[in-house]
Structures are given as structure tokens and as C-alpha cells.
Amino acid sequence: MIDAATLLERTLTISSPSGSEVGVAHFLVSQMGAFCDEAFVDAAGNAVGRIGTGPVGVYVLGHIDTVPGDIPVRVEGGALYGRGAVDAKGPFCAAVAAAASLSDAVKDALTLTLIGAVEEEAPTSKGARYALLTYPKPDFVIVGEPSGWDALTLGYKGRLVLKLSLEKPNFHSAGDDTTAAEDAVTCWGRVKAWAEGVSGTGFDRVQAALQSLNTDSDGLTQRAQAVIGLRLPPAWPPERAEGELLAALGSGFPGLRAEVLGREQPYRGPKDTALTRAFRVAIRAAGGVPRFKLKTGTADMNVVAPHWNVPMLAYGPGDSALDHTPHEHVELAELERAVGVLAATFEGLAFAPHVRANRSG
């Protein structure tokens, strides 16, 4: 058995901003090695543990990197504080603790793979992409992200990040021409208008944000660069959004160049699968009422869902409103409840008669 609170507290003391996860990966492998059939750091730097030999393949794909920012690790008022307590060392440590409690009968029925992925908080999603290319397709995927112990996240919006660059010859400020900076602002206005014109409501809304705007001139040429981020619902995959957005910008800017800096597919999974049923049973058994969520951010779910195409959801303890904040913390009682829900879900996937009928090939 592994105590989730102790494991998470020790994990939080090891700083692991994206690109610097080697220390925490080796620590987690040392902990998983105590109960897993095999535990190792893979070529991408992921911390991987495998337990069980059964025919039902279950992946827990969490991430062990964090955004920058040092939060003193401490227990205060029944909560554990530290960078990553919610996003997303907490969810991964809960899964590790749950896996350590599995009975021999469960391990005979399923093969559980725990993947503590690197660089989820970076544009690369290096760990998830490596897992996608290297490990066999599972039957079920649980993405370790904060949902709250009694809630299941079914989807995340996609993402498109564009850099718009404009150049034009310099001219006297007394002239009537528009500056490169003004043209960049006009472009942003057209992007904003396009997003508002095609949007639905809630999760179906296209969200646009001007992330940065920079200008400079060498006396001969004016330059302006605008970085624009779009959050996209399933009806607007990034390829479609990119094409229509560039058309909306029009041809009135001869020096305009567009470069894609980031692109992730949106995903929304169904409510009724063998995986959601196993979770709902486990949450009710723990005294909760299951809730479903859709999130406007992105996660490693966006990377793997279009390719694995199996029942998938995100789950983990913690309030996602605390992600990346200076007050990041998880309630210890919630952490323990999530461990119980995960353990019961693994058991449900191992033994429920409907699971094999719902396995994806």
C-alpha cells in the first residue's frame, strides 16, 4: 500500500517545470517499482509503471511537469500546497496509490499502465506523443487531470495559435497610410469578429485572444507581429478554422504572413461507455453524485484521442480553478476519495461483464 498524501508531498518537493522532469521521474519510478511488475523511465523521460497481466488494457496518462513558480510545500487546514498539487501531480499520485492497492484477481484481469508524461505544459506534449507512437493501443484511457473527485471530464477544446507578421515600407508620420501596427490591430479586429460570427454558446463557442503584439522599425521597414490564440470546439478543428480565418482576413494586407505556432484537435467523448459506467458506479459507492464536465483548455487528451479512438475521459482530485495559481493546493480528504474511486474503477473495468463487449479493437 502507498499513502497518497505522503507520496504527493514528496513528489511536490521535487521541482519539475517542463523540460526538467528527470528528478521527479526517477523518484516516481522508485515508488512504482515497489509494487509494479516493471517500472522505468522511457526514452522520452516519462515515468512508467506496469502492473497486471490481464487482457483488458488500461492506461492512466498523467503528467509530472508543472508550470514555473515555487509554492512552499506544506499541509495547512487539511490541504496540501505545492506547485503541481492540482495540475497534475495530484491526479497521477492518486492513480499510483490506487494501483498499489489492486488485488491479485484484478491484476489477473487487466494490465494497467501508469504513464507520468513529460512536457504536457509545453507546446511539445513530448511525453504523450512518445507514448502514442511507442506503446500499443489500450482499451481505455484515463487522463490524469483535475476534475474533482466526483466529476468526469469528457472533453477539451482544441487550440490554434497563429503568428501574423506584417511588413511595409516606412513613411513619414504626416502621411495618410496606415502603419504596420495599425494593420496588425485591424487584423486582430477581423479575427475577433470572425470568432464572434461563427460561435455557438458554452463549449461550442470559438474563443479568440490576442496573446501578444510587437512592433519595430529600422527606419526603412516597419514590422508588426501579433500572436493570436483560438480555443476551438469540435465543430471547428484547427485546419478548418485556419483556412476560414485566413480567408476572413482578406487580401488587403500585401505583406501579411501567417505561421502556425500550435495546433491541437478538439475532443468530446460520449457520456455512456464502459469507462464512464465504471466511474459512475465507483463515485456513487463513495457517496457522490457523478457530474460531467467539458473544459475550454487543452490536455494530453487532445493529443492521443484522435489516434487511439477508445473510451477516454479525464479524472483526478482537485479544483482546476487553482491550476497555475500561486495558491495551488488539494484537499487531502478529496485526494483520498479519488484514490478510492480510481481503485474501484480499475476493479470495475476488470470484472464488469459489459467491459469486454465494449472493448475497442
Protein backbone atom coordinates (compact mmCIF):
# COMPACT_ATOMS: atom_id res chain seq x y z
CA MET A 1 0.00 0.00 0.00
CA ILE A 2 1.08 3.56 -0.70
CA ASP A 3 -0.20 6.58 1.19
CA ALA A 4 -1.27 9.07 -1.46
CA ALA A 5 -0.73 12.17 0.69
CA THR A 6 2.83 11.17 1.59
CA LEU A 7 3.64 10.25 -2.00
CA LEU A 8 2.26 13.52 -3.34
CA GLU A 9 4.00 15.62 -0.70
CA ARG A 10 7.37 14.05 -1.55
CA THR A 11 6.66 14.45 -5.26
CA LEU A 12 5.83 18.15 -4.82
CA THR A 13 9.19 18.81 -3.18
CA ILE A 14 10.93 17.84 -6.45
CA SER A 15 10.73 20.79 -8.82
CA SER A 16 9.79 19.72 -12.34
CA PRO A 17 8.95 22.55 -14.71
CA SER A 18 8.55 21.40 -18.30
CA GLY A 19 11.86 20.11 -19.63
CA SER A 20 13.28 19.42 -16.16
CA GLU A 21 11.37 16.33 -15.05
CA VAL A 22 14.24 13.85 -14.69
CA GLY A 23 14.39 14.02 -10.88
CA VAL A 24 10.69 13.51 -10.28
CA ALA A 25 10.50 10.79 -12.96
CA HIS A 26 13.19 8.71 -11.26
CA PHE A 27 11.58 9.23 -7.86
CA LEU A 28 8.19 8.05 -9.09
CA VAL A 29 9.74 5.03 -10.80
CA SER A 30 11.40 4.10 -7.50
CA GLN A 31 8.00 4.23 -5.80
CA MET A 32 6.16 2.31 -8.53
CA GLY A 33 8.90 -0.29 -8.61
CA ALA A 34 7.83 -1.45 -5.16
CA PHE A 35 4.55 -2.90 -6.48
CA CYS A 36 4.58 -2.81 -10.29
CA ASP A 37 5.69 -5.71 -12.47
CA GLU A 38 8.02 -3.25 -14.19
CA ALA A 39 8.84 0.41 -13.71
CA PHE A 40 11.17 2.53 -15.82
CA VAL A 41 11.93 5.92 -17.30
CA ASP A 42 11.34 5.66 -21.04
CA ALA A 43 13.26 7.35 -23.85
CA ALA A 44 11.08 10.47 -23.68
CA GLY A 45 11.65 10.83 -19.93
CA ASN A 46 8.20 9.56 -18.89
CA ALA A 47 7.84 7.69 -15.59
CA VAL A 48 6.16 4.39 -16.50
CA GLY A 49 4.81 1.60 -14.32
CA ARG A 50 3.01 -1.56 -15.45
CA ILE A 51 1.03 -3.89 -13.25
CA GLY A 52 -1.11 -6.90 -14.10
CA THR A 53 -1.21 -9.39 -16.94
CA GLY A 54 -4.90 -9.41 -17.88
CA PRO A 55 -6.46 -8.90 -21.32
CA VAL A 56 -8.10 -5.53 -20.58
CA GLY A 57 -5.57 -2.74 -21.21
CA VAL A 58 -6.00 0.43 -19.16
CA TYR A 59 -3.73 3.47 -19.40
CA VAL A 60 -3.52 6.27 -16.88
CA LEU A 61 -1.87 9.13 -18.78
CA GLY A 62 -0.98 11.84 -16.28
CA HIS A 63 1.72 14.46 -16.42
CA ILE A 64 4.52 15.17 -13.98
CA ASP A 65 5.75 18.51 -15.30
CA THR A 66 4.44 21.82 -13.99
CA VAL A 67 4.36 25.45 -14.98
CA PRO A 68 7.08 27.58 -13.33
CA GLY A 69 6.58 29.03 -9.88
CA ASP A 70 7.75 27.90 -6.45
CA ILE A 71 4.99 27.32 -3.91
CA PRO A 72 6.26 26.24 -0.47
CA VAL A 73 5.14 22.64 0.11
CA ARG A 74 3.09 22.46 3.29
CA VAL A 75 -0.05 20.98 4.84
CA GLU A 76 -2.36 23.70 6.06
CA GLY A 77 -6.02 23.48 7.04
CA GLY A 78 -6.38 19.96 5.73
CA ALA A 79 -4.93 20.88 2.32
CA LEU A 80 -1.58 20.11 0.69
CA TYR A 81 0.01 23.07 -1.06
CA GLY A 82 2.65 22.97 -3.79
CA ARG A 83 3.18 23.52 -7.49
CA GLY A 84 1.54 20.55 -9.19
CA ALA A 85 -0.74 19.60 -6.28
CA VAL A 86 -3.68 20.01 -8.67
CA ASP A 87 -2.09 20.20 -12.12
CA ALA A 88 -1.28 17.40 -12.30
CA LYS A 89 0.97 15.55 -9.87
CA GLY A 90 -2.02 15.14 -7.56
CA PRO A 91 -4.11 13.16 -10.07
CA PHE A 92 -1.14 11.00 -11.06
CA CYS A 93 -0.15 10.22 -7.48
CA ALA A 94 -3.77 9.31 -6.72
CA ALA A 95 -3.65 6.79 -9.58
CA VAL A 96 -0.35 5.37 -8.37
CA ALA A 97 -1.73 4.88 -4.86
CA ALA A 98 -4.88 3.26 -6.26
CA ALA A 99 -2.82 0.91 -8.43
CA ALA A 100 -0.79 -0.17 -5.40
CA SER A 101 -3.96 -1.46 -3.72
CA LEU A 102 -5.11 -3.79 -6.52
CA SER A 103 -5.86 -7.39 -5.64
CA ASP A 104 -4.28 -10.33 -7.41
CA ALA A 105 -7.64 -11.10 -9.02
CA VAL A 106 -7.80 -7.60 -10.57
CA LYS A 107 -4.22 -7.89 -11.77
CA ASP A 108 -5.09 -11.18 -13.45
CA ALA A 109 -7.95 -9.49 -15.31
CA LEU A 110 -6.32 -6.28 -16.56
CA THR A 111 -3.00 -4.75 -17.45
CA LEU A 112 -2.67 -1.25 -16.00
CA THR A 113 -0.03 1.12 -17.35
CA LEU A 114 0.74 4.32 -15.43
CA ILE A 115 2.41 6.98 -17.59
CA GLY A 116 3.69 10.11 -15.87
CA ALA A 117 4.22 12.16 -19.01
CA VAL A 118 6.69 14.98 -19.53
CA GLU A 119 6.21 18.37 -21.21
CA GLU A 120 2.41 18.49 -21.11
CA GLU A 121 2.62 22.13 -20.05
CA ALA A 122 4.84 22.86 -23.06
CA PRO A 123 3.69 23.08 -26.70
CA THR A 124 5.59 19.87 -27.48
CA SER A 125 3.49 17.40 -25.40
CA LYS A 126 6.61 15.28 -25.74
CA GLY A 127 5.62 12.53 -23.32
CA ALA A 128 2.14 11.92 -24.71
CA ARG A 129 3.36 11.95 -28.30
CA TYR A 130 6.06 9.41 -27.47
CA ALA A 131 3.51 7.16 -25.75
CA LEU A 132 1.21 7.45 -28.74
CA LEU A 133 3.93 6.33 -31.15
CA THR A 134 5.57 3.72 -28.91
CA TYR A 135 3.02 1.92 -26.75
CA PRO A 136 0.23 -0.34 -28.04
CA LYS A 137 -3.29 0.98 -28.31
CA PRO A 138 -5.12 0.42 -25.00
CA ASP A 139 -8.77 -0.43 -24.39
CA PHE A 140 -9.38 2.50 -22.04
CA VAL A 141 -7.56 5.75 -21.22
CA ILE A 142 -7.85 7.81 -18.05
CA VAL A 143 -6.12 11.17 -18.43
CA GLY A 144 -4.86 12.42 -15.08
CA GLU A 145 -6.21 15.96 -14.77
CA PRO A 146 -8.18 17.69 -12.00
CA SER A 147 -11.92 17.17 -12.33
CA GLY A 148 -12.95 16.94 -8.70
CA TRP A 149 -13.31 13.51 -7.06
CA ASP A 150 -16.97 13.16 -8.13
CA ALA A 151 -16.72 14.53 -11.68
CA LEU A 152 -15.61 13.24 -15.08
CA THR A 153 -14.20 15.45 -17.81
CA LEU A 154 -15.45 14.27 -21.20
CA GLY A 155 -13.74 16.76 -23.47
CA TYR A 156 -11.39 19.64 -24.08
CA LYS A 157 -11.47 22.33 -26.69
CA GLY A 158 -8.86 22.33 -29.42
CA ARG A 159 -6.30 25.04 -29.98
CA LEU A 160 -4.86 27.07 -32.84
CA VAL A 161 -2.10 29.60 -32.29
CA LEU A 162 -1.24 31.88 -35.22
CA LYS A 163 1.53 34.42 -35.58
CA LEU A 164 0.63 37.18 -38.02
CA SER A 165 3.60 39.15 -39.36
CA LEU A 166 3.31 42.33 -41.42
CA GLU A 167 5.97 44.43 -43.14
CA LYS A 168 5.64 47.65 -45.13
CA PRO A 169 7.97 50.44 -46.24
CA ASN A 170 8.47 53.21 -43.75
CA PHE A 171 6.84 56.58 -44.44
CA HIS A 172 6.60 59.97 -42.80
CA SER A 173 4.17 60.09 -39.91
CA ALA A 174 2.39 63.00 -41.58
CA GLY A 175 1.33 60.69 -44.42
CA ASP A 176 -2.09 59.08 -44.79
CA ASP A 177 -1.03 55.43 -44.99
CA THR A 178 -1.70 53.05 -42.11
CA THR A 179 1.24 51.81 -40.08
CA ALA A 180 2.17 48.16 -39.74
CA ALA A 181 0.99 48.38 -36.14
CA GLU A 182 -2.40 49.70 -37.23
CA ASP A 183 -2.71 46.92 -39.80
CA ALA A 184 -1.94 44.33 -37.13
CA VAL A 185 -4.67 45.78 -34.91
CA THR A 186 -7.08 45.67 -37.86
CA CYS A 187 -6.19 42.03 -38.45
CA TRP A 188 -6.90 41.26 -34.81
CA GLY A 189 -10.27 43.00 -35.10
CA ARG A 190 -11.18 40.83 -38.09
CA VAL A 191 -10.14 37.68 -36.20
CA LYS A 192 -12.26 38.71 -33.23
CA ALA A 193 -15.24 39.48 -35.47
CA TRP A 194 -14.85 36.15 -37.28
CA ALA A 195 -14.78 34.23 -34.00
CA GLU A 196 -17.88 36.01 -32.73
CA GLY A 197 -19.65 35.45 -36.04
CA VAL A 198 -19.19 31.67 -36.12
CA SER A 199 -19.57 30.99 -32.41
CA GLY A 200 -22.15 28.98 -30.61
CA THR A 201 -22.51 29.10 -26.84
CA GLY A 202 -20.70 27.43 -23.97
CA PHE A 203 -18.41 24.61 -25.06
CA ASP A 204 -19.42 25.21 -28.70
CA ARG A 205 -18.08 28.78 -28.69
CA VAL A 206 -14.91 29.78 -30.57
CA GLN A 207 -12.75 31.87 -28.22
CA ALA A 208 -10.13 34.28 -29.56
CA ALA A 209 -7.40 36.03 -27.58
CA LEU A 210 -4.68 38.47 -28.61
CA GLN A 211 -1.68 36.97 -26.82
CA SER A 212 0.98 39.50 -27.87
CA LEU A 213 1.54 42.46 -30.18
CA ASN A 214 5.03 43.76 -31.04
CA THR A 215 6.24 46.41 -33.46
CA ASP A 216 9.62 47.71 -34.60
CA SER A 217 11.22 49.70 -37.41
CA ASP A 218 14.77 50.05 -38.75
CA GLY A 219 13.95 53.37 -40.42
CA LEU A 220 13.33 51.72 -43.77
CA THR A 221 10.79 49.00 -42.95
CA GLN A 222 8.01 48.82 -40.40
CA ARG A 223 7.23 45.46 -38.83
CA ALA A 224 4.43 44.20 -36.63
CA GLN A 225 3.77 40.78 -35.17
CA ALA A 226 0.59 39.61 -33.48
CA VAL A 227 0.19 36.21 -31.79
CA ILE A 228 -3.44 35.11 -31.68
CA GLY A 229 -4.78 32.11 -29.81
CA LEU A 230 -8.06 30.36 -30.59
CA ARG A 231 -9.89 27.82 -28.42
CA LEU A 232 -11.92 25.60 -30.72
CA PRO A 233 -14.95 23.31 -30.19
CA PRO A 234 -15.32 20.02 -32.08
CA ALA A 235 -17.19 21.70 -34.94
CA TRP A 236 -14.08 23.77 -35.65
CA PRO A 237 -10.98 21.57 -35.96
CA PRO A 238 -7.87 23.73 -36.33
CA GLU A 239 -7.39 23.04 -40.04
CA ARG A 240 -10.88 24.31 -40.84
CA ALA A 241 -10.50 27.30 -38.54
CA GLU A 242 -7.15 28.24 -40.08
CA GLY A 243 -8.48 28.20 -43.64
CA GLU A 244 -11.62 30.21 -42.91
CA LEU A 245 -9.81 32.65 -40.68
CA LEU A 246 -7.19 33.46 -43.31
CA ALA A 247 -9.99 33.96 -45.83
CA ALA A 248 -11.69 36.32 -43.39
CA LEU A 249 -8.53 38.39 -43.10
CA GLY A 250 -8.78 39.07 -46.82
CA SER A 251 -6.17 40.32 -49.28
CA GLY A 252 -5.87 43.89 -48.08
CA PHE A 253 -2.52 43.31 -46.39
CA PRO A 254 0.15 42.57 -49.06
CA GLY A 255 2.91 42.00 -46.53
CA LEU A 256 0.91 39.65 -44.29
CA ARG A 257 2.39 36.25 -43.41
CA ALA A 258 0.71 33.68 -41.17
CA GLU A 259 2.59 31.00 -39.23
CA VAL A 260 1.02 28.26 -37.12
CA LEU A 261 2.72 28.03 -33.72
CA GLY A 262 0.43 25.41 -32.20
CA ARG A 263 -2.41 23.16 -33.24
CA GLU A 264 -4.42 20.67 -31.16
CA GLN A 265 -7.57 18.78 -32.11
CA PRO A 266 -10.72 19.30 -30.01
CA TYR A 267 -12.28 16.26 -28.39
CA ARG A 268 -15.61 15.45 -26.80
CA GLY A 269 -16.27 11.90 -25.68
CA PRO A 270 -19.64 10.20 -25.13
CA LYS A 271 -21.30 10.05 -21.73
CA ASP A 272 -22.15 6.36 -21.85
CA THR A 273 -19.20 4.00 -22.24
CA ALA A 274 -17.86 1.11 -20.21
CA LEU A 275 -15.36 3.57 -18.73
CA THR A 276 -17.89 6.20 -17.66
CA ARG A 277 -20.14 3.47 -16.25
CA ALA A 278 -17.31 2.06 -14.13
CA PHE A 279 -16.53 5.54 -12.80
CA ARG A 280 -20.16 6.39 -12.10
CA VAL A 281 -20.60 3.20 -10.08
CA ALA A 282 -17.41 3.95 -8.12
CA ILE A 283 -18.40 7.56 -7.40
CA ARG A 284 -21.86 6.56 -6.19
CA ALA A 285 -20.37 3.86 -4.00
CA ALA A 286 -18.20 6.55 -2.37
CA GLY A 287 -21.27 8.66 -1.61
CA GLY A 288 -21.08 11.06 -4.53
CA VAL A 289 -23.34 12.07 -7.40
CA PRO A 290 -21.39 11.81 -10.68
CA ARG A 291 -21.02 15.01 -12.67
CA PHE A 292 -19.81 15.57 -16.24
CA LYS A 293 -17.56 18.42 -17.35
CA LEU A 294 -16.28 19.94 -20.58
CA LYS A 295 -13.21 22.17 -20.40
CA THR A 296 -12.10 25.08 -22.55
CA GLY A 297 -8.38 24.39 -22.07
CA THR A 298 -6.27 21.63 -23.60
CA ALA A 299 -4.67 18.49 -22.19
CA ASP A 300 -2.84 15.42 -23.42
CA MET A 301 -6.29 14.06 -24.25
CA ASN A 302 -6.22 16.33 -27.31
CA VAL A 303 -3.02 14.62 -28.45
CA VAL A 304 -3.98 10.96 -28.06
CA ALA A 305 -7.77 10.87 -28.52
CA PRO A 306 -7.83 11.35 -32.33
CA HIS A 307 -5.46 8.40 -32.78
CA TRP A 308 -6.32 5.83 -30.11
CA ASN A 309 -10.10 6.26 -30.52
CA VAL A 310 -11.04 4.32 -27.37
CA PRO A 311 -13.25 5.22 -24.39
CA MET A 312 -11.42 8.08 -22.68
CA LEU A 313 -12.01 10.70 -20.02
CA ALA A 314 -10.04 12.89 -17.63
CA TYR A 315 -10.22 12.38 -13.88
CA GLY A 316 -8.41 13.45 -10.78
CA PRO A 317 -8.75 15.23 -7.45
CA GLY A 318 -8.50 18.98 -7.24
CA ASP A 319 -10.15 22.21 -8.35
CA SER A 320 -8.91 23.17 -11.82
CA ALA A 321 -9.57 26.84 -10.99
CA LEU A 322 -6.37 26.58 -8.92
CA ASP A 323 -4.26 25.46 -11.91
CA HIS A 324 -1.15 27.64 -12.36
CA THR A 325 -2.12 29.93 -9.48
CA PRO A 326 0.07 30.89 -6.50
CA HIS A 327 -2.46 29.22 -4.18
CA GLU A 328 -2.44 25.76 -5.79
CA HIS A 329 -3.50 23.10 -3.31
CA VAL A 330 -5.57 19.93 -2.99
CA GLU A 331 -7.80 18.95 -0.10
CA LEU A 332 -6.36 15.80 1.49
CA ALA A 333 -9.82 14.33 2.04
CA GLU A 334 -10.58 14.74 -1.65
CA LEU A 335 -7.26 13.14 -2.59
CA GLU A 336 -8.12 10.05 -0.55
CA ARG A 337 -11.62 9.87 -2.01
CA ALA A 338 -10.19 9.99 -5.53
CA VAL A 339 -7.84 7.11 -4.69
CA GLY A 340 -10.83 5.03 -3.64
CA VAL A 341 -12.79 5.93 -6.77
CA LEU A 342 -9.86 5.02 -9.02
CA ALA A 343 -9.27 1.70 -7.27
CA ALA A 344 -12.96 0.82 -7.57
CA THR A 345 -12.95 1.86 -11.24
CA PHE A 346 -9.99 -0.39 -12.01
CA GLU A 347 -11.84 -3.25 -10.33
CA GLY A 348 -15.00 -2.43 -12.26
CA LEU A 349 -13.15 -2.48 -15.57
CA ALA A 350 -11.58 -5.81 -14.65
CA PHE A 351 -14.76 -7.64 -13.68
CA ALA A 352 -17.81 -5.92 -15.20
CA PRO A 353 -19.39 -8.25 -17.79
CA HIS A 354 -20.08 -5.40 -20.22
CA VAL A 355 -16.41 -4.38 -20.48
CA ARG A 356 -15.25 -6.96 -22.99
CA ALA A 357 -18.30 -6.29 -25.14
CA ASN A 358 -17.31 -2.62 -25.24
CA ARG A 359 -13.61 -3.08 -25.90
CA SER A 360 -12.34 -1.26 -28.97
CA GLY A 361 -10.12 -3.11 -31.40
